[in-house]
Protein backbone atom coordinates (compact mmCIF):
# COMPACT_ATOMS: atom_id res chain seq x y z
CA MET A 1 88.12 57.41 -86.47
CA PRO A 2 86.05 56.44 -89.28
CA VAL A 3 83.03 53.95 -88.83
CA GLN A 4 83.60 51.27 -91.04
CA ARG A 5 80.49 49.43 -93.01
CA ILE A 6 79.69 45.81 -91.99
CA ALA A 7 79.83 43.81 -95.32
CA SER A 8 77.46 41.08 -93.77
CA VAL A 9 74.68 43.85 -93.31
CA ASP A 10 75.14 45.28 -96.85
CA VAL A 11 74.89 41.53 -98.20
CA TYR A 12 71.79 40.54 -96.09
CA ARG A 13 70.08 43.90 -97.36
CA GLY A 14 71.09 42.97 -100.73
CA LEU A 15 69.30 39.60 -100.46
CA VAL A 16 66.23 41.41 -99.23
CA MET A 17 66.15 43.93 -102.06
CA PHE A 18 66.62 41.09 -104.64
CA LEU A 19 63.76 39.19 -103.26
CA MET A 20 61.47 42.52 -103.69
CA MET A 21 63.27 42.88 -107.21
CA ALA A 22 62.63 39.38 -108.20
CA GLU A 23 58.97 39.94 -108.31
CA VAL A 24 59.13 40.78 -111.90
CA LEU A 25 59.79 36.99 -112.45
CA ALA A 26 56.07 36.46 -111.60
CA LEU A 27 56.58 32.98 -110.43
CA SER A 28 52.99 32.47 -109.49
CA LYS A 29 52.21 32.55 -113.33
CA VAL A 30 54.83 29.69 -113.94
CA SER A 31 53.05 27.81 -111.42
CA ASP A 32 49.73 28.37 -112.89
CA ALA A 33 51.09 27.30 -116.39
CA GLU A 34 52.66 24.16 -114.85
CA PRO A 35 49.82 22.89 -112.75
CA GLY A 36 50.75 19.75 -110.56
CA SER A 37 54.39 20.90 -110.50
CA ALA A 38 55.33 20.85 -106.82
CA PHE A 39 58.70 22.57 -107.70
CA TRP A 40 57.02 25.85 -108.99
CA GLU A 41 54.07 25.52 -106.54
CA PHE A 42 56.59 25.87 -103.79
CA LEU A 43 58.64 28.57 -105.49
CA ALA A 44 55.33 30.57 -106.25
CA PHE A 45 54.55 30.33 -102.51
CA GLN A 46 57.58 31.62 -101.27
CA GLN A 47 57.11 34.66 -103.50
CA SER A 48 53.68 35.61 -102.25
CA HIS A 49 52.40 36.68 -99.28
CA VAL A 50 50.34 34.03 -96.95
CA ALA A 51 46.43 35.18 -96.76
CA TRP A 52 46.75 35.88 -92.89
CA SER A 53 48.70 34.05 -90.36
CA TRP A 54 52.11 32.57 -90.61
CA LEU A 55 54.58 33.16 -93.24
CA SER A 56 56.37 32.48 -96.57
CA LEU A 57 59.99 33.85 -97.64
CA HIS A 58 58.28 36.74 -99.18
CA ASP A 59 56.91 37.83 -96.02
CA MET A 60 60.54 38.19 -94.33
CA ILE A 61 61.17 41.11 -96.78
CA GLN A 62 59.50 43.91 -94.92
CA PRO A 63 60.96 42.72 -91.25
CA SER A 64 64.33 42.03 -92.66
CA PHE A 65 64.68 45.66 -94.24
CA THR A 66 63.17 47.15 -91.07
CA PHE A 67 65.31 44.96 -88.69
CA LEU A 68 68.48 46.11 -90.61
CA VAL A 69 67.54 49.89 -90.14
CA GLY A 70 68.19 49.14 -86.46
CA VAL A 71 71.19 47.23 -87.12
CA VAL A 72 73.11 50.04 -88.65
CA LEU A 73 71.87 52.88 -86.48
CA PRO A 74 74.58 52.42 -83.64
CA TYR A 75 76.86 52.82 -86.70
CA SER A 76 75.19 55.90 -88.04
CA ILE A 77 74.89 57.69 -84.68
CA ALA A 78 78.77 56.96 -84.14
CA SER A 79 79.60 58.28 -87.54
CA ARG A 80 77.68 61.40 -86.97
CA ARG A 81 79.23 62.18 -83.52
CA ASN A 82 82.60 61.25 -84.71
CA LYS A 83 81.93 64.62 -87.00
CA GLY A 84 81.05 66.48 -84.25
CA ALA A 85 76.94 66.45 -84.52
CA SER A 86 75.21 67.29 -81.26
CA VAL A 87 72.42 65.70 -79.98
CA GLY A 88 69.94 68.53 -81.23
CA SER A 89 71.61 68.39 -84.84
CA LEU A 90 71.14 64.67 -84.64
CA LEU A 91 67.62 64.52 -83.65
CA LEU A 92 66.88 67.33 -86.34
CA HIS A 93 68.51 64.99 -89.13
CA THR A 94 66.31 62.12 -87.75
CA ALA A 95 63.03 64.06 -87.86
CA LYS A 96 63.80 65.22 -91.52
CA ARG A 97 64.59 61.35 -92.43
CA SER A 98 61.44 60.41 -91.12
CA LEU A 99 59.39 62.83 -93.00
CA ILE A 100 61.37 62.00 -96.08
CA LEU A 101 60.56 58.36 -95.74
CA ILE A 102 57.00 58.96 -95.09
CA CYS A 103 56.68 61.24 -98.04
CA LEU A 104 58.82 58.99 -100.47
CA GLY A 105 56.22 56.08 -99.46
CA ILE A 106 53.35 57.88 -100.15
CA PHE A 107 54.78 59.18 -103.53
CA LEU A 108 55.59 55.73 -104.75
CA ARG A 109 52.18 54.17 -103.76
CA SER A 110 50.44 57.44 -105.58
CA MET A 111 52.29 56.68 -109.03
CA HIS A 112 49.30 54.85 -110.52
CA SER A 113 46.65 57.19 -108.61
CA ASP A 114 44.75 60.13 -109.89
CA GLN A 115 45.48 61.88 -106.76
CA THR A 116 47.76 61.45 -103.64
CA ASN A 117 47.09 58.08 -102.24
CA PHE A 118 47.34 58.80 -98.58
CA THR A 119 48.46 55.47 -97.41
CA PHE A 120 50.89 54.57 -94.45
CA GLU A 121 50.97 50.83 -94.32
CA ASP A 122 54.03 50.18 -96.61
CA THR A 123 57.61 49.57 -95.63
CA LEU A 124 59.14 53.20 -96.08
CA THR A 125 56.14 55.14 -94.50
CA GLN A 126 56.05 52.49 -91.39
CA ILE A 127 59.87 53.02 -90.97
CA GLY A 128 59.35 56.72 -91.28
CA LEU A 129 56.74 56.90 -88.59
CA GLY A 130 58.77 55.04 -86.04
CA TYR A 131 62.22 56.04 -86.80
CA THR A 132 62.50 59.10 -84.74
CA PHE A 133 61.31 57.21 -81.72
CA LEU A 134 64.29 54.52 -82.67
CA VAL A 135 66.84 57.26 -82.54
CA LEU A 136 65.62 58.51 -79.24
CA LEU A 137 66.11 55.18 -77.76
CA ALA A 138 69.27 54.48 -79.27
CA LEU A 139 70.71 57.48 -77.27
CA TYR A 140 69.78 55.53 -74.26
CA SER A 141 71.11 52.61 -72.44
CA GLN A 142 70.50 49.00 -73.88
CA ARG A 143 68.25 48.45 -70.53
CA VAL A 144 65.90 51.49 -71.63
CA GLN A 145 65.82 50.07 -75.17
CA LEU A 146 64.71 46.61 -73.73
CA MET A 147 62.00 48.48 -71.44
CA GLY A 148 60.98 50.33 -74.72
CA LEU A 149 60.75 46.96 -76.72
CA ALA A 150 58.42 45.69 -73.73
CA VAL A 151 56.39 48.59 -73.72
CA VAL A 152 55.55 48.51 -77.30
CA LEU A 153 54.88 44.79 -77.49
CA ILE A 154 52.87 44.45 -74.25
CA GLY A 155 50.97 47.79 -74.84
CA TYR A 156 49.99 46.88 -78.54
CA PHE A 157 48.85 43.48 -77.33
CA ALA A 158 46.74 44.73 -74.66
CA ALA A 159 45.12 47.29 -77.00
CA PHE A 160 44.06 44.62 -79.39
CA ALA A 161 42.83 42.36 -76.68
CA LEU A 162 40.86 45.23 -74.90
CA TYR A 163 39.12 46.22 -78.39
CA PRO A 164 35.47 44.29 -78.47
CA LEU A 165 35.00 41.46 -80.92
CA PRO A 166 32.42 41.95 -83.54
CA GLY A 167 28.81 41.60 -82.35
CA PRO A 168 26.25 39.52 -83.90
CA ASP A 169 24.84 42.66 -85.94
CA PHE A 170 28.52 43.41 -87.41
CA ASN A 171 28.27 43.99 -91.19
CA TYR A 172 31.09 42.06 -92.48
CA ALA A 173 30.63 43.30 -96.03
CA LEU A 174 31.55 46.60 -95.12
CA ALA A 175 34.75 45.57 -93.63
CA GLY A 176 35.71 43.55 -96.71
CA VAL A 177 35.69 40.12 -95.27
CA LYS A 178 33.64 37.07 -94.96
CA GLU A 179 32.21 36.29 -91.56
CA ASN A 180 33.16 32.71 -91.80
CA TRP A 181 36.52 33.36 -93.64
CA GLU A 182 38.70 30.27 -93.58
CA HIS A 183 41.55 32.05 -92.07
CA ASN A 184 39.69 33.81 -89.11
CA PHE A 185 40.77 32.88 -85.56
CA ASN A 186 38.37 31.68 -82.74
CA GLY A 187 38.28 32.41 -79.17
CA PHE A 188 40.70 34.99 -77.68
CA ALA A 189 42.80 35.20 -80.95
CA ALA A 190 39.86 36.38 -82.87
CA HIS A 191 40.85 39.89 -81.79
CA TRP A 192 43.51 39.61 -84.43
CA ASN A 193 41.22 38.80 -87.41
CA LYS A 194 41.25 40.56 -90.45
CA ASN A 195 39.59 43.85 -90.68
CA THR A 196 37.47 43.56 -87.39
CA ASN A 197 40.30 44.87 -84.94
CA LEU A 198 41.53 47.87 -83.48
CA ALA A 199 43.69 48.91 -86.20
CA TRP A 200 41.20 48.64 -88.70
CA ALA A 201 38.62 50.91 -86.63
CA PHE A 202 41.48 53.34 -86.29
CA ASP A 203 42.10 53.61 -89.99
CA ASN A 204 38.38 54.04 -90.74
CA TRP A 205 38.91 57.27 -88.68
CA PHE A 206 42.31 58.36 -89.62
CA LEU A 207 42.64 57.65 -93.37
CA ASN A 208 39.26 59.68 -94.05
CA LEU A 209 40.86 62.85 -92.55
CA PHE A 210 42.90 63.05 -95.70
CA PRO A 211 41.40 63.92 -99.27
CA ARG A 212 40.27 60.62 -100.97
CA GLU A 213 38.68 59.51 -104.27
CA LYS A 214 36.10 57.60 -102.20
CA GLU A 215 35.55 56.97 -98.59
CA PHE A 216 38.28 54.47 -96.86
CA MET A 217 36.22 51.64 -95.49
CA PHE A 218 38.93 48.79 -95.49
CA ASN A 219 42.42 47.75 -96.70
CA GLY A 220 42.01 44.57 -98.92
CA GLY A 221 44.88 43.01 -97.58
CA GLY A 222 43.95 43.76 -93.81
CA TYR A 223 47.34 46.03 -93.80
CA SER A 224 47.17 49.01 -91.16
CA THR A 225 48.87 52.36 -90.25
CA LEU A 226 49.18 51.38 -86.52
CA SER A 227 51.43 48.58 -87.75
CA PHE A 228 54.16 51.19 -87.20
CA ILE A 229 54.06 50.81 -83.57
CA PRO A 230 55.09 47.13 -83.46
CA THR A 231 57.26 47.62 -86.55
CA LEU A 232 59.22 49.69 -84.22
CA GLY A 233 59.61 46.64 -81.98
CA THR A 234 61.22 45.26 -85.05
CA MET A 235 63.53 48.07 -85.29
CA ILE A 236 64.45 47.97 -81.53
CA LEU A 237 65.29 44.26 -82.12
CA GLY A 238 67.67 45.26 -84.92
CA LEU A 239 69.18 47.99 -82.90
CA LEU A 240 69.85 45.39 -79.91
CA ALA A 241 71.68 43.25 -82.57
CA GLY A 242 73.58 46.39 -83.94
CA ASN A 243 74.89 47.04 -80.08
CA VAL A 244 76.26 43.50 -80.20
CA LEU A 245 78.08 44.20 -83.58
CA ASN A 246 79.29 47.59 -82.70
CA SER A 247 80.75 45.89 -79.32
CA SER A 248 84.32 44.90 -78.53
CA ILE A 249 83.40 41.18 -77.87
CA ALA A 250 84.80 38.40 -79.73
CA GLN A 251 83.38 37.88 -83.19
CA ILE A 252 82.47 34.24 -82.42
CA ARG A 253 80.55 35.28 -79.29
CA LYS A 254 78.75 37.68 -81.33
CA LEU A 255 77.67 34.88 -83.74
CA ARG A 256 76.55 32.83 -80.75
CA ILE A 257 74.32 35.62 -79.29
CA PHE A 258 72.70 36.13 -82.76
CA ILE A 259 71.86 32.57 -82.99
CA ILE A 260 70.83 32.03 -79.47
CA THR A 261 68.52 34.93 -79.48
CA GLY A 262 67.23 33.93 -82.69
CA LEU A 263 66.33 30.61 -81.57
CA VAL A 264 64.77 31.98 -78.40
CA LEU A 265 62.48 34.59 -80.26
CA ILE A 266 61.24 32.09 -82.66
CA VAL A 267 60.16 29.57 -80.14
CA PHE A 268 58.60 32.07 -77.84
CA GLY A 269 56.76 33.60 -81.05
CA MET A 270 55.43 29.79 -82.05
CA LEU A 271 54.43 29.40 -78.25
CA LEU A 272 52.25 32.72 -78.34
CA HIS A 273 50.87 31.36 -81.68
CA PHE A 274 49.85 27.76 -81.08
CA ALA A 275 48.68 28.46 -77.39
CA GLY A 276 46.31 30.97 -78.85
CA ILE A 277 47.72 34.00 -77.08
CA ASN A 278 48.66 36.28 -79.94
CA PRO A 279 48.76 34.71 -83.70
CA VAL A 280 51.79 35.30 -85.86
CA VAL A 281 50.17 37.78 -88.57
CA LYS A 282 52.41 39.99 -90.50
CA ARG A 283 49.83 42.06 -92.27
CA ILE A 284 48.82 43.67 -88.89
CA TRP A 285 52.52 43.06 -87.35
CA THR A 286 51.07 41.16 -84.28
CA PRO A 287 53.45 41.29 -81.30
CA ALA A 288 54.24 37.58 -81.77
CA TRP A 289 54.86 38.47 -85.48
CA THR A 290 57.43 40.92 -84.13
CA ILE A 291 59.07 38.31 -81.87
CA PHE A 292 58.90 35.24 -84.28
CA SER A 293 60.14 37.33 -87.46
CA GLY A 294 62.75 39.15 -85.27
CA GLY A 295 64.33 35.70 -84.40
CA VAL A 296 64.32 34.80 -88.09
CA CYS A 297 66.13 38.06 -88.66
CA PHE A 298 68.94 37.27 -86.17
CA LEU A 299 69.37 33.79 -87.83
CA PHE A 300 69.81 35.42 -91.17
CA LEU A 301 72.09 38.00 -89.89
CA ALA A 302 74.22 34.97 -88.06
CA PHE A 303 74.48 33.31 -91.36
CA PHE A 304 75.65 36.31 -93.28
CA PHE A 305 78.02 37.39 -90.19
CA GLY A 306 79.41 34.06 -90.00
CA VAL A 307 80.17 33.38 -93.45
CA ILE A 308 81.24 36.95 -94.55
CA ASP A 309 82.69 38.63 -91.59
CA ILE A 310 84.20 35.75 -89.61
CA THR A 311 85.36 33.28 -92.42
CA GLY A 312 86.12 36.18 -94.87
CA LYS A 313 84.35 34.64 -97.74
CA LYS A 314 83.13 37.52 -99.57
CA LYS A 315 83.56 37.03 -103.44
CA TRP A 316 80.49 35.03 -103.94
CA SER A 317 78.40 37.73 -102.44
CA PHE A 318 79.27 40.65 -104.90
CA PHE A 319 76.14 40.39 -106.70
CA LEU A 320 74.19 41.05 -103.72
CA MET A 321 76.32 43.55 -101.88
CA VAL A 322 75.91 45.84 -105.15
CA ILE A 323 72.10 46.07 -104.43
CA GLY A 324 72.58 46.11 -100.65
CA MET A 325 74.90 49.06 -100.75
CA ASN A 326 72.12 51.12 -102.70
CA SER A 327 69.01 49.96 -100.95
CA ILE A 328 66.87 53.15 -101.41
CA ALA A 329 68.00 52.81 -105.14
CA ALA A 330 66.92 49.27 -105.53
CA TYR A 331 63.72 49.82 -103.55
CA CYS A 332 62.63 52.80 -105.77
CA ILE A 333 63.73 50.62 -108.84
CA ALA A 334 61.62 47.65 -107.68
CA ASP A 335 58.54 49.71 -106.33
CA GLY A 336 58.69 52.45 -108.91
CA GLY A 337 57.96 52.88 -112.62
CA ILE A 338 61.55 52.18 -113.92
CA LYS A 339 61.05 48.40 -113.97
CA ASP A 340 57.94 49.01 -116.19
CA VAL A 341 59.97 51.39 -118.39
CA ILE A 342 62.65 48.60 -118.77
CA HIS A 343 60.17 45.88 -119.30
CA LYS A 344 58.43 47.48 -122.27
CA SER A 345 61.78 48.69 -123.90
CA LEU A 346 62.72 45.12 -123.93
CA PHE A 347 59.38 44.02 -126.05
CA ILE A 348 60.27 47.21 -128.38
CA HIS A 349 63.90 46.37 -129.18
CA LEU A 350 63.84 42.51 -128.82
CA GLY A 351 60.61 41.84 -130.41
CA GLN A 352 57.10 41.13 -129.00
CA GLY A 353 57.82 37.12 -128.90
CA PHE A 354 61.28 37.23 -127.30
CA ASP A 355 60.11 35.89 -124.10
CA GLN A 356 58.43 32.85 -125.77
CA ILE A 357 61.91 31.02 -126.27
CA PHE A 358 61.07 28.28 -124.02
CA GLY A 359 57.45 28.56 -124.25
CA ALA A 360 54.51 30.48 -122.93
CA ALA A 361 54.69 28.87 -119.48
CA TYR A 362 58.35 30.29 -118.71
CA ALA A 363 57.69 33.83 -120.43
CA THR A 364 57.93 35.79 -117.24
CA LEU A 365 61.24 34.13 -116.43
CA ILE A 366 62.76 35.39 -119.52
CA SER A 367 61.32 38.88 -119.49
CA GLY A 368 61.41 39.35 -115.62
CA GLY A 369 65.10 37.79 -115.75
CA LEU A 370 66.32 40.29 -118.48
CA VAL A 371 64.40 43.39 -116.39
CA LEU A 372 66.34 42.16 -113.15
CA LEU A 373 69.64 42.18 -115.02
CA VAL A 374 69.31 45.58 -116.46
CA GLU A 375 68.28 46.95 -112.72
CA TRP A 376 71.30 45.37 -111.53
CA LEU A 377 73.68 46.76 -114.28
CA ILE A 378 72.19 50.04 -113.22
CA LEU A 379 72.99 49.61 -109.49
CA TYR A 380 76.48 48.31 -110.75
CA TRP A 381 77.09 51.44 -112.63
CA MET A 382 76.03 53.51 -109.60
CA TYR A 383 78.41 51.28 -107.50
CA LYS A 384 81.22 51.83 -109.90
CA LYS A 385 80.69 55.87 -110.00
CA LYS A 386 80.48 55.57 -106.11
CA ILE A 387 76.85 57.08 -106.45
CA PHE A 388 74.82 55.98 -103.12
CA ILE A 389 71.32 57.43 -102.68
CA LYS A 390 71.07 58.16 -98.86
CA ILE A 391 68.30 59.55 -96.76
């Protein structure tokens, strides 16, 4: 029996990739050109990453993409098993997919470098590092999956909590952060401060094992390789949601489960944050972030599942579905060099001042909007030709 696609999942993924592709609009530049405008300031904030703790809409791109990897996994495994795949062949395919994701992530991050940029904190490599473990868990019962989630989050929390805080002689300049940085936490939560934590120390050792133009000392954004461990937690949350979607229980009950789970996770994450137990920090993917952002993902899924799969209202979502059904292609377009080629071509063929039609303040909206349109048309052509890039 063939495994059908879930329309709501494709649309949710399409929204996620659209938000990533829409970076070409450069809303922060519009906001800078329109000082005092609360409207553009709000939009610019939602299209940027927060400095350290809490979140913006843009911060939900990576957890949503990661969450959806887990959501579709029960369907992927069912499809392969329907075709007669053994556990061994399934795990071999999984290992290959993990390696491809890691290599693709490194390739995309190296496009503007003079040599291979060995970095493992981007979305694709983070997924690749944890994907094999996710598939292994998916082959066991939901109880084992929940136990795996608990081990990942509690273990990662404990590892950071046990790592010593910086001493009085700590050289903050070598860590690329100010000692009294306004976003630093005090007290117990300081174990999750930028570039003074366990993950930063690990990368100072691990990343210098690879050939580099210069010694790695810190990541300017505070991102880290070890984040793949709690990122696996996000994928497990998605897997649990996928188990529900792939079950035979009533649709409306599935919706209730998504909503209730989402709200509980959000409240729990907020309690951890405001109690000073574990802050919500996306850049190092704290356990509280895994829990809180996972709750937001459940609510996003609930919205699309309710509107599209339960009520059957799909026509409005076609634009997003085209993107979501070719997410790897969309990711490469958004994160690779294709958008730069399109952008340059627009100025060649439409003239150097075409983006000034509504004034300099809105130039990026004109040029970026046209880049977005061309990118979507490429994905639409692939959709019509039934060309879907899969790993």
